C-alpha atoms as a PDB file:
ATOM      1  CA  MET A   1     -24.047  -9.694 -18.194  1.00  0.00           C
ATOM      2  CA  PRO A   2     -26.761  -9.879 -15.521  1.00  0.00           C
ATOM      3  CA  ARG A   3     -30.293  -9.796 -16.869  1.00  0.00           C
ATOM      4  CA  THR A   4     -32.236  -6.653 -15.934  1.00  0.00           C
ATOM      5  CA  PHE A   5     -35.204  -7.610 -13.768  1.00  0.00           C
ATOM      6  CA  PHE A   6     -38.524  -7.004 -15.528  1.00  0.00           C
ATOM      7  CA  VAL A   7     -41.920  -6.405 -13.912  1.00  0.00           C
ATOM      8  CA  GLY A   8     -44.933  -6.251 -16.195  1.00  0.00           C
ATOM      9  CA  GLY A   9     -48.404  -5.320 -15.052  1.00  0.00           C
ATOM     10  CA  ASN A  10     -51.416  -6.631 -16.958  1.00  0.00           C
ATOM     11  CA  TRP A  11     -54.568  -4.689 -16.182  1.00  0.00           C
ATOM     12  CA  LYS A  12     -56.561  -6.907 -18.567  1.00  0.00           C
ATOM     13  CA  CYS A  13     -60.094  -5.610 -19.254  1.00  0.00           C
ATOM     14  CA  ASN A  14     -60.225  -3.449 -16.137  1.00  0.00           C
ATOM     15  CA  GLY A  15     -60.123   0.238 -15.346  1.00  0.00           C
ATOM     16  CA  THR A  16     -61.832   3.577 -15.728  1.00  0.00           C
ATOM     17  CA  ARG A  17     -60.288   7.016 -16.032  1.00  0.00           C
ATOM     18  CA  GLU A  18     -61.050   7.519 -12.351  1.00  0.00           C
ATOM     19  CA  SER A  19     -59.474   4.246 -11.186  1.00  0.00           C
ATOM     20  CA  ILE A  20     -56.443   4.697 -13.450  1.00  0.00           C
ATOM     21  CA  ALA A  21     -55.800   8.174 -12.074  1.00  0.00           C
ATOM     22  CA  LYS A  22     -56.023   6.811  -8.518  1.00  0.00           C
ATOM     23  CA  ILE A  23     -53.679   3.867  -9.001  1.00  0.00           C
ATOM     24  CA  CYS A  24     -51.169   5.966 -10.930  1.00  0.00           C
ATOM     25  CA  GLU A  25     -51.161   8.419  -8.032  1.00  0.00           C
ATOM     26  CA  GLU A  26     -50.385   5.511  -5.685  1.00  0.00           C
ATOM     27  CA  PHE A  27     -47.627   4.270  -7.983  1.00  0.00           C
ATOM     28  CA  SER A  28     -46.025   7.718  -7.980  1.00  0.00           C
ATOM     29  CA  LYS A  29     -45.305   7.315  -4.262  1.00  0.00           C
ATOM     30  CA  GLY A  30     -42.699   4.629  -4.904  1.00  0.00           C
ATOM     31  CA  PRO A  31     -38.978   5.345  -5.318  1.00  0.00           C
ATOM     32  CA  SER A  32     -37.630   6.098  -8.779  1.00  0.00           C
ATOM     33  CA  THR A  33     -36.539   3.115 -10.845  1.00  0.00           C
ATOM     34  CA  ALA A  34     -34.836   5.265 -13.485  1.00  0.00           C
ATOM     35  CA  ASP A  35     -31.356   4.137 -12.430  1.00  0.00           C
ATOM     36  CA  ALA A  36     -32.358   0.843 -10.831  1.00  0.00           C
ATOM     37  CA  ASP A  37     -31.761  -2.644 -12.216  1.00  0.00           C
ATOM     38  CA  VAL A  38     -35.432  -3.114 -13.059  1.00  0.00           C
ATOM     39  CA  GLU A  39     -37.698  -2.367 -16.026  1.00  0.00           C
ATOM     40  CA  VAL A  40     -41.400  -1.775 -15.365  1.00  0.00           C
ATOM     41  CA  VAL A  41     -44.077  -1.912 -18.069  1.00  0.00           C
ATOM     42  CA  ILE A  42     -47.842  -1.562 -17.534  1.00  0.00           C
ATOM     43  CA  GLY A  43     -50.200  -3.335 -19.955  1.00  0.00           C
ATOM     44  CA  CYS A  44     -53.298  -1.164 -20.008  1.00  0.00           C
ATOM     45  CA  PRO A  45     -56.493  -1.417 -22.083  1.00  0.00           C
ATOM     46  CA  ALA A  46     -55.863   0.037 -25.533  1.00  0.00           C
ATOM     47  CA  ILE A  47     -58.556   2.672 -25.170  1.00  0.00           C
ATOM     48  CA  TYR A  48     -56.708   4.100 -22.147  1.00  0.00           C
ATOM     49  CA  THR A  49     -53.126   4.079 -23.442  1.00  0.00           C
ATOM     50  CA  ASP A  50     -52.813   7.846 -23.880  1.00  0.00           C
ATOM     51  CA  TYR A  51     -54.595   8.554 -20.613  1.00  0.00           C
ATOM     52  CA  THR A  52     -52.417   6.059 -18.736  1.00  0.00           C
ATOM     53  CA  ARG A  53     -49.255   7.484 -20.259  1.00  0.00           C
ATOM     54  CA  GLU A  54     -50.350  10.953 -19.118  1.00  0.00           C
ATOM     55  CA  LYS A  55     -50.942   9.794 -15.534  1.00  0.00           C
ATOM     56  CA  LEU A  56     -48.266   7.112 -15.124  1.00  0.00           C
ATOM     57  CA  ARG A  57     -44.870   7.918 -13.668  1.00  0.00           C
ATOM     58  CA  LYS A  58     -42.332   8.579 -16.427  1.00  0.00           C
ATOM     59  CA  ASP A  59     -39.780   5.957 -15.380  1.00  0.00           C
ATOM     60  CA  TRP A  60     -42.307   3.215 -16.258  1.00  0.00           C
ATOM     61  CA  ALA A  61     -43.444   2.308 -19.767  1.00  0.00           C
ATOM     62  CA  ILE A  62     -46.791   1.126 -21.105  1.00  0.00           C
ATOM     63  CA  SER A  63     -47.839  -1.786 -23.276  1.00  0.00           C
ATOM     64  CA  VAL A  64     -50.910  -2.831 -25.201  1.00  0.00           C
ATOM     65  CA  GLN A  65     -52.336  -6.276 -24.454  1.00  0.00           C
ATOM     66  CA  ASN A  66     -52.777  -7.556 -28.004  1.00  0.00           C
ATOM     67  CA  CYS A  67     -52.377  -6.659 -31.661  1.00  0.00           C
ATOM     68  CA  TRP A  68     -53.379  -8.040 -35.040  1.00  0.00           C
ATOM     69  CA  VAL A  69     -51.454 -10.680 -37.035  1.00  0.00           C
ATOM     70  CA  GLY A  70     -50.504  -8.276 -39.824  1.00  0.00           C
ATOM     71  CA  LYS A  71     -51.207  -4.928 -41.422  1.00  0.00           C
ATOM     72  CA  GLY A  72     -54.420  -3.089 -40.715  1.00  0.00           C
ATOM     73  CA  GLY A  73     -57.313  -2.706 -43.098  1.00  0.00           C
ATOM     74  CA  ALA A  74     -60.817  -4.132 -43.202  1.00  0.00           C
ATOM     75  CA  ILE A  75     -60.485  -5.879 -39.823  1.00  0.00           C
ATOM     76  CA  THR A  76     -63.136  -4.317 -37.616  1.00  0.00           C
ATOM     77  CA  GLY A  77     -62.230  -4.035 -33.962  1.00  0.00           C
ATOM     78  CA  GLU A  78     -58.546  -4.945 -34.237  1.00  0.00           C
ATOM     79  CA  ILE A  79     -55.401  -2.902 -33.549  1.00  0.00           C
ATOM     80  CA  SER A  80     -52.410  -3.272 -35.862  1.00  0.00           C
ATOM     81  CA  ALA A  81     -48.777  -3.261 -34.835  1.00  0.00           C
ATOM     82  CA  GLU A  82     -48.364  -0.211 -37.082  1.00  0.00           C
ATOM     83  CA  MET A  83     -50.926   1.640 -34.959  1.00  0.00           C
ATOM     84  CA  VAL A  84     -49.192   0.604 -31.736  1.00  0.00           C
ATOM     85  CA  LYS A  85     -45.878   1.864 -33.059  1.00  0.00           C
ATOM     86  CA  ASP A  86     -47.426   5.082 -34.379  1.00  0.00           C
ATOM     87  CA  ALA A  87     -48.884   5.732 -30.930  1.00  0.00           C
ATOM     88  CA  GLY A  88     -45.370   5.623 -29.495  1.00  0.00           C
ATOM     89  CA  ILE A  89     -45.932   2.413 -27.514  1.00  0.00           C
ATOM     90  CA  GLU A  90     -42.954   0.050 -27.345  1.00  0.00           C
ATOM     91  CA  TRP A  91     -44.484  -3.113 -25.903  1.00  0.00           C
ATOM     92  CA  VAL A  92     -47.262  -5.610 -26.588  1.00  0.00           C
ATOM     93  CA  ILE A  93     -48.393  -8.666 -24.608  1.00  0.00           C
ATOM     94  CA  LEU A  94     -49.059 -11.622 -26.921  1.00  0.00           C
ATOM     95  CA  GLY A  95     -50.214 -15.199 -26.350  1.00  0.00           C
ATOM     96  CA  HIS A  96     -51.674 -14.617 -22.897  1.00  0.00           C
ATOM     97  CA  SER A  97     -53.552 -17.694 -21.709  1.00  0.00           C
ATOM     98  CA  GLU A  98     -56.854 -15.840 -21.833  1.00  0.00           C
ATOM     99  CA  ARG A  99     -56.255 -15.150 -25.523  1.00  0.00           C
ATOM    100  CA  ARG A 100     -55.312 -18.795 -26.047  1.00  0.00           C
ATOM    101  CA  HIS A 101     -58.061 -20.464 -24.018  1.00  0.00           C
ATOM    102  CA  LEU A 102     -61.169 -18.291 -23.680  1.00  0.00           C
ATOM    103  CA  PRO A 103     -63.733 -19.983 -25.950  1.00  0.00           C
ATOM    104  CA  GLN A 104     -64.593 -16.663 -27.595  1.00  0.00           C
ATOM    105  CA  LEU A 105     -60.958 -16.222 -28.708  1.00  0.00           C
ATOM    106  CA  LYS A 106     -59.040 -19.535 -28.908  1.00  0.00           C
ATOM    107  CA  GLU A 107     -55.844 -18.236 -30.497  1.00  0.00           C
ATOM    108  CA  SER A 108     -53.693 -21.093 -31.763  1.00  0.00           C
ATOM    109  CA  ASP A 109     -49.925 -21.473 -31.289  1.00  0.00           C
ATOM    110  CA  GLU A 110     -49.539 -20.507 -34.951  1.00  0.00           C
ATOM    111  CA  THR A 111     -51.634 -17.347 -34.561  1.00  0.00           C
ATOM    112  CA  VAL A 112     -49.632 -16.265 -31.532  1.00  0.00           C
ATOM    113  CA  ALA A 113     -46.364 -16.948 -33.338  1.00  0.00           C
ATOM    114  CA  VAL A 114     -47.403 -14.927 -36.394  1.00  0.00           C
ATOM    115  CA  LYS A 115     -48.405 -12.034 -34.137  1.00  0.00           C
ATOM    116  CA  VAL A 116     -45.074 -12.125 -32.286  1.00  0.00           C
ATOM    117  CA  ALA A 117     -43.050 -12.173 -35.493  1.00  0.00           C
ATOM    118  CA  TYR A 118     -45.046  -9.389 -37.125  1.00  0.00           C
ATOM    119  CA  ALA A 119     -44.897  -7.128 -34.071  1.00  0.00           C
ATOM    120  CA  ILE A 120     -41.138  -7.580 -33.837  1.00  0.00           C
ATOM    121  CA  SER A 121     -40.738  -6.896 -37.558  1.00  0.00           C
ATOM    122  CA  LEU A 122     -42.316  -3.485 -36.902  1.00  0.00           C
ATOM    123  CA  GLY A 123     -39.850  -2.751 -34.096  1.00  0.00           C
ATOM    124  CA  LEU A 124     -42.099  -3.531 -31.145  1.00  0.00           C
ATOM    125  CA  LYS A 125     -41.013  -5.469 -28.067  1.00  0.00           C
ATOM    126  CA  VAL A 126     -43.069  -8.486 -27.020  1.00  0.00           C
ATOM    127  CA  MET A 127     -43.998 -10.181 -23.767  1.00  0.00           C
ATOM    128  CA  ALA A 128     -44.634 -13.655 -25.204  1.00  0.00           C
ATOM    129  CA  CYS A 129     -46.739 -15.797 -22.882  1.00  0.00           C
ATOM    130  CA  ILE A 130     -46.613 -19.570 -22.517  1.00  0.00           C
ATOM    131  CA  GLY A 131     -48.042 -21.977 -19.951  1.00  0.00           C
ATOM    132  CA  GLU A 132     -50.012 -25.109 -19.235  1.00  0.00           C
ATOM    133  CA  LEU A 133     -53.558 -25.867 -18.096  1.00  0.00           C
ATOM    134  CA  LEU A 134     -54.192 -27.689 -14.812  1.00  0.00           C
ATOM    135  CA  GLU A 135     -55.003 -30.961 -16.567  1.00  0.00           C
ATOM    136  CA  GLU A 136     -51.799 -30.678 -18.582  1.00  0.00           C
ATOM    137  CA  ARG A 137     -49.720 -30.196 -15.435  1.00  0.00           C
ATOM    138  CA  GLU A 138     -51.444 -33.123 -13.734  1.00  0.00           C
ATOM    139  CA  ALA A 139     -50.686 -35.260 -16.792  1.00  0.00           C
ATOM    140  CA  GLY A 140     -47.009 -34.337 -16.617  1.00  0.00           C
ATOM    141  CA  GLN A 141     -47.215 -32.278 -19.816  1.00  0.00           C
ATOM    142  CA  THR A 142     -45.924 -28.925 -18.524  1.00  0.00           C
ATOM    143  CA  GLN A 143     -42.612 -29.083 -20.347  1.00  0.00           C
ATOM    144  CA  ALA A 144     -44.152 -30.443 -23.561  1.00  0.00           C
ATOM    145  CA  VAL A 145     -46.777 -27.685 -23.671  1.00  0.00           C
ATOM    146  CA  ASN A 146     -44.250 -24.922 -23.043  1.00  0.00           C
ATOM    147  CA  GLU A 147     -41.872 -26.307 -25.650  1.00  0.00           C
ATOM    148  CA  ARG A 148     -44.655 -26.633 -28.224  1.00  0.00           C
ATOM    149  CA  GLN A 149     -45.693 -23.016 -27.703  1.00  0.00           C
ATOM    150  CA  LEU A 150     -42.078 -21.814 -27.782  1.00  0.00           C
ATOM    151  CA  ALA A 151     -41.290 -23.845 -30.895  1.00  0.00           C
ATOM    152  CA  ALA A 152     -44.099 -22.141 -32.811  1.00  0.00           C
ATOM    153  CA  ILE A 153     -42.661 -18.727 -31.928  1.00  0.00           C
ATOM    154  CA  ALA A 154     -39.036 -19.687 -32.512  1.00  0.00           C
ATOM    155  CA  ALA A 155     -39.861 -20.979 -36.000  1.00  0.00           C
ATOM    156  CA  LYS A 156     -40.869 -17.437 -37.024  1.00  0.00           C
ATOM    157  CA  LEU A 157     -37.946 -15.523 -35.488  1.00  0.00           C
ATOM    158  CA  LYS A 158     -34.323 -14.891 -36.367  1.00  0.00           C
ATOM    159  CA  GLU A 159     -31.794 -15.113 -33.560  1.00  0.00           C
ATOM    160  CA  GLU A 160     -31.391 -11.333 -33.399  1.00  0.00           C
ATOM    161  CA  ASP A 161     -35.156 -10.917 -32.914  1.00  0.00           C
ATOM    162  CA  TRP A 162     -34.965 -12.434 -29.439  1.00  0.00           C
ATOM    163  CA  LYS A 163     -33.407  -9.286 -28.003  1.00  0.00           C
ATOM    164  CA  ASN A 164     -36.923  -7.813 -28.246  1.00  0.00           C
ATOM    165  CA  VAL A 165     -38.681 -10.714 -26.516  1.00  0.00           C
ATOM    166  CA  VAL A 166     -39.301 -11.537 -22.896  1.00  0.00           C
ATOM    167  CA  ILE A 167     -40.889 -14.907 -22.181  1.00  0.00           C
ATOM    168  CA  ALA A 168     -43.679 -14.955 -19.597  1.00  0.00           C
ATOM    169  CA  TYR A 169     -44.310 -18.391 -18.107  1.00  0.00           C
ATOM    170  CA  GLU A 170     -47.829 -18.409 -16.719  1.00  0.00           C
ATOM    171  CA  PRO A 171     -49.228 -21.663 -15.377  1.00  0.00           C
ATOM    172  CA  VAL A 172     -52.879 -21.233 -16.337  1.00  0.00           C
ATOM    173  CA  TRP A 173     -54.042 -22.974 -13.164  1.00  0.00           C
ATOM    174  CA  ALA A 174     -52.376 -20.224 -11.105  1.00  0.00           C
ATOM    175  CA  ILE A 175     -53.749 -17.174 -12.929  1.00  0.00           C
ATOM    176  CA  GLY A 176     -56.333 -15.329 -10.861  1.00  0.00           C
ATOM    177  CA  THR A 177     -56.937 -18.394  -8.701  1.00  0.00           C
ATOM    178  CA  GLY A 178     -54.873 -17.428  -5.677  1.00  0.00           C
ATOM    179  CA  LYS A 179     -52.842 -20.586  -6.286  1.00  0.00           C
ATOM    180  CA  VAL A 180     -49.199 -20.062  -7.083  1.00  0.00           C
ATOM    181  CA  ALA A 181     -46.413 -22.335  -8.209  1.00  0.00           C
ATOM    182  CA  SER A 182     -43.918 -22.746  -5.396  1.00  0.00           C
ATOM    183  CA  PRO A 183     -40.615 -20.969  -5.951  1.00  0.00           C
ATOM    184  CA  ASP A 184     -39.010 -24.351  -6.608  1.00  0.00           C
ATOM    185  CA  GLN A 185     -41.717 -25.281  -9.146  1.00  0.00           C
ATOM    186  CA  ALA A 186     -41.290 -21.945 -10.900  1.00  0.00           C
ATOM    187  CA  GLN A 187     -37.510 -22.310 -10.970  1.00  0.00           C
ATOM    188  CA  GLU A 188     -37.770 -25.846 -12.374  1.00  0.00           C
ATOM    189  CA  VAL A 189     -39.935 -24.702 -15.287  1.00  0.00           C
ATOM    190  CA  HIS A 190     -37.891 -21.574 -15.959  1.00  0.00           C
ATOM    191  CA  GLU A 191     -34.723 -23.674 -16.028  1.00  0.00           C
ATOM    192  CA  GLN A 192     -36.369 -26.038 -18.533  1.00  0.00           C
ATOM    193  CA  VAL A 193     -37.455 -23.112 -20.708  1.00  0.00           C
ATOM    194  CA  ARG A 194     -33.957 -21.637 -20.700  1.00  0.00           C
ATOM    195  CA  ALA A 195     -32.457 -25.028 -21.574  1.00  0.00           C
ATOM    196  CA  TRP A 196     -34.879 -25.351 -24.498  1.00  0.00           C
ATOM    197  CA  VAL A 197     -33.903 -21.924 -25.799  1.00  0.00           C
ATOM    198  CA  ALA A 198     -30.224 -22.856 -25.508  1.00  0.00           C
ATOM    199  CA  SER A 199     -30.751 -26.042 -27.509  1.00  0.00           C
ATOM    200  CA  ASN A 200     -33.156 -24.652 -30.106  1.00  0.00           C
ATOM    201  CA  VAL A 201     -32.176 -20.996 -30.542  1.00  0.00           C
ATOM    202  CA  SER A 202     -28.699 -20.407 -29.118  1.00  0.00           C
ATOM    203  CA  ALA A 203     -26.760 -20.427 -25.873  1.00  0.00           C
ATOM    204  CA  ALA A 204     -26.284 -16.671 -26.167  1.00  0.00           C
ATOM    205  CA  VAL A 205     -30.015 -16.008 -26.445  1.00  0.00           C
ATOM    206  CA  ALA A 206     -30.712 -18.377 -23.539  1.00  0.00           C
ATOM    207  CA  ALA A 207     -28.237 -16.480 -21.367  1.00  0.00           C
ATOM    208  CA  ASP A 208     -29.790 -13.116 -22.202  1.00  0.00           C
ATOM    209  CA  VAL A 209     -33.529 -13.743 -22.544  1.00  0.00           C
ATOM    210  CA  ARG A 210     -35.610 -12.774 -19.550  1.00  0.00           C
ATOM    211  CA  ILE A 211     -38.131 -15.341 -18.330  1.00  0.00           C
ATOM    212  CA  LEU A 212     -40.937 -13.946 -16.201  1.00  0.00           C
ATOM    213  CA  TYR A 213     -43.231 -15.787 -13.816  1.00  0.00           C
ATOM    214  CA  GLY A 214     -46.934 -14.956 -13.928  1.00  0.00           C
ATOM    215  CA  GLY A 215     -49.555 -16.587 -11.752  1.00  0.00           C
ATOM    216  CA  SER A 216     -51.055 -14.889  -8.702  1.00  0.00           C
ATOM    217  CA  VAL A 217     -47.874 -12.957  -7.907  1.00  0.00           C
ATOM    218  CA  THR A 218     -48.366 -10.811  -4.813  1.00  0.00           C
ATOM    219  CA  ALA A 219     -46.345  -8.762  -2.353  1.00  0.00           C
ATOM    220  CA  ALA A 220     -46.373 -11.814  -0.078  1.00  0.00           C
ATOM    221  CA  ASN A 221     -44.696 -14.255  -2.453  1.00  0.00           C
ATOM    222  CA  CYS A 222     -42.648 -12.086  -4.826  1.00  0.00           C
ATOM    223  CA  GLN A 223     -39.464 -11.879  -2.782  1.00  0.00           C
ATOM    224  CA  GLU A 224     -38.862 -15.628  -2.629  1.00  0.00           C
ATOM    225  CA  LEU A 225     -39.783 -16.074  -6.286  1.00  0.00           C
ATOM    226  CA  ALA A 226     -37.402 -13.280  -7.288  1.00  0.00           C
ATOM    227  CA  GLY A 227     -34.567 -15.041  -5.497  1.00  0.00           C
ATOM    228  CA  LYS A 228     -34.594 -17.959  -7.931  1.00  0.00           C
ATOM    229  CA  PRO A 229     -31.781 -17.782 -10.505  1.00  0.00           C
ATOM    230  CA  ASP A 230     -33.924 -18.275 -13.612  1.00  0.00           C
ATOM    231  CA  VAL A 231     -36.836 -16.070 -12.511  1.00  0.00           C
ATOM    232  CA  ASP A 232     -36.072 -12.720 -14.140  1.00  0.00           C
ATOM    233  CA  GLY A 233     -39.231 -10.916 -13.118  1.00  0.00           C
ATOM    234  CA  PHE A 234     -42.998 -11.141 -13.191  1.00  0.00           C
ATOM    235  CA  LEU A 235     -46.060 -10.548 -15.291  1.00  0.00           C
ATOM    236  CA  VAL A 236     -48.566  -9.459 -12.671  1.00  0.00           C
ATOM    237  CA  GLY A 237     -52.336  -9.510 -13.058  1.00  0.00           C
ATOM    238  CA  GLY A 238     -54.677  -8.451 -10.268  1.00  0.00           C
ATOM    239  CA  ALA A 239     -51.965  -7.090  -7.985  1.00  0.00           C
ATOM    240  CA  SER A 240     -50.891  -4.626 -10.694  1.00  0.00           C
ATOM    241  CA  LEU A 241     -54.146  -2.766 -10.034  1.00  0.00           C
ATOM    242  CA  LYS A 242     -53.240  -2.301  -6.359  1.00  0.00           C
ATOM    243  CA  PRO A 243     -50.653  -0.266  -4.425  1.00  0.00           C
ATOM    244  CA  GLU A 244     -48.895  -3.526  -3.476  1.00  0.00           C
ATOM    245  CA  PHE A 245     -47.515  -3.581  -7.029  1.00  0.00           C
ATOM    246  CA  LEU A 246     -44.819  -1.242  -5.717  1.00  0.00           C
ATOM    247  CA  ALA A 247     -43.624  -3.987  -3.366  1.00  0.00           C
ATOM    248  CA  ILE A 248     -43.527  -6.444  -6.275  1.00  0.00           C
ATOM    249  CA  VAL A 249     -41.421  -4.030  -8.312  1.00  0.00           C
ATOM    250  CA  ASP A 250     -39.113  -3.707  -5.310  1.00  0.00           C
ATOM    251  CA  ALA A 251     -38.489  -7.486  -5.399  1.00  0.00           C
ATOM    252  CA  TYR A 252     -35.780  -6.818  -7.991  1.00  0.00           C
ATOM    253  CA  LYS A 253     -33.494  -6.157  -5.024  1.00  0.00           C
ATOM    254  CA  ASN A 254     -33.779  -9.843  -4.117  1.00  0.00           C
ATOM    255  CA  SER A 255     -32.979 -11.117  -7.600  1.00  0.00           C
END
C-alpha cells in the first residue's frame, strides 16, 4: 500500500500564547486534510500543548518534543511517557540532533533508543530522528552514522513496534542553516535507510515505514523533495512557525 505522506512541524523552544494563536489562525486558512493522503503533526513546547490543541485545527495532531527514558518519579524537570499519554497526546519527537549534540544535553544513541522503546511500550507514536554532522558527511560517514543510530533503536524494538515509528533523517549541517540536501542527496540517503531497515528489521517494515526529510525545508524546495520515491514527508523546523507551512503540507500532492 502507498505510504501516507507525513508532515511534522517542530516549533522547538519557540512560541508564546500570542504567537501560537496567530499562527494557528493562519493554519486554519488552509484546506482540510481530514480526507487527504497526508498526516500533519505539530511538535509544540510541552508547556503549550493544551493551549495549542485548543487553537490548532482539528484535522492536525500535536506532539511533544521529548520525554523521559522511563517512568516518572524523582526526576525534576522531566516529562514521562505516562504523562504524555495521560494528556491525550499521541506523538513524541525523540533523538533530534539538538538533543544529541547540544553540549548541555548530549543524549547518546543508547539513551535515544531507550526513550523510543519506552514511549512505544506506553502506546505512543515516535518521530525518531537520525542524521550526520557536517564533518561526518565530509568524511563519507553519512551512511555509517545513520546505521549506527538506527541499529541502537532497532535493538530495542520488536518488528510490530515499527508501525508506530516514523524515521526523520535530518542532516545536522542543514538544520537551521539555510543549506539543504539536494533532492538527489536526500533520496540517496533515504534509499540507504530503507535498505538498512529491509536487511536488519524486515522487508515488510521497510516497505511501510515512513522516512521524513528534515533540514531547512521550505515552500521553495518542498515540492521537488516530495517527488522523490523514498521521501515520505518532512520534519519542518523554522518554516513550521510561518504561514508557508501550509504550502509544505500541500507538497503531499507531489509525492
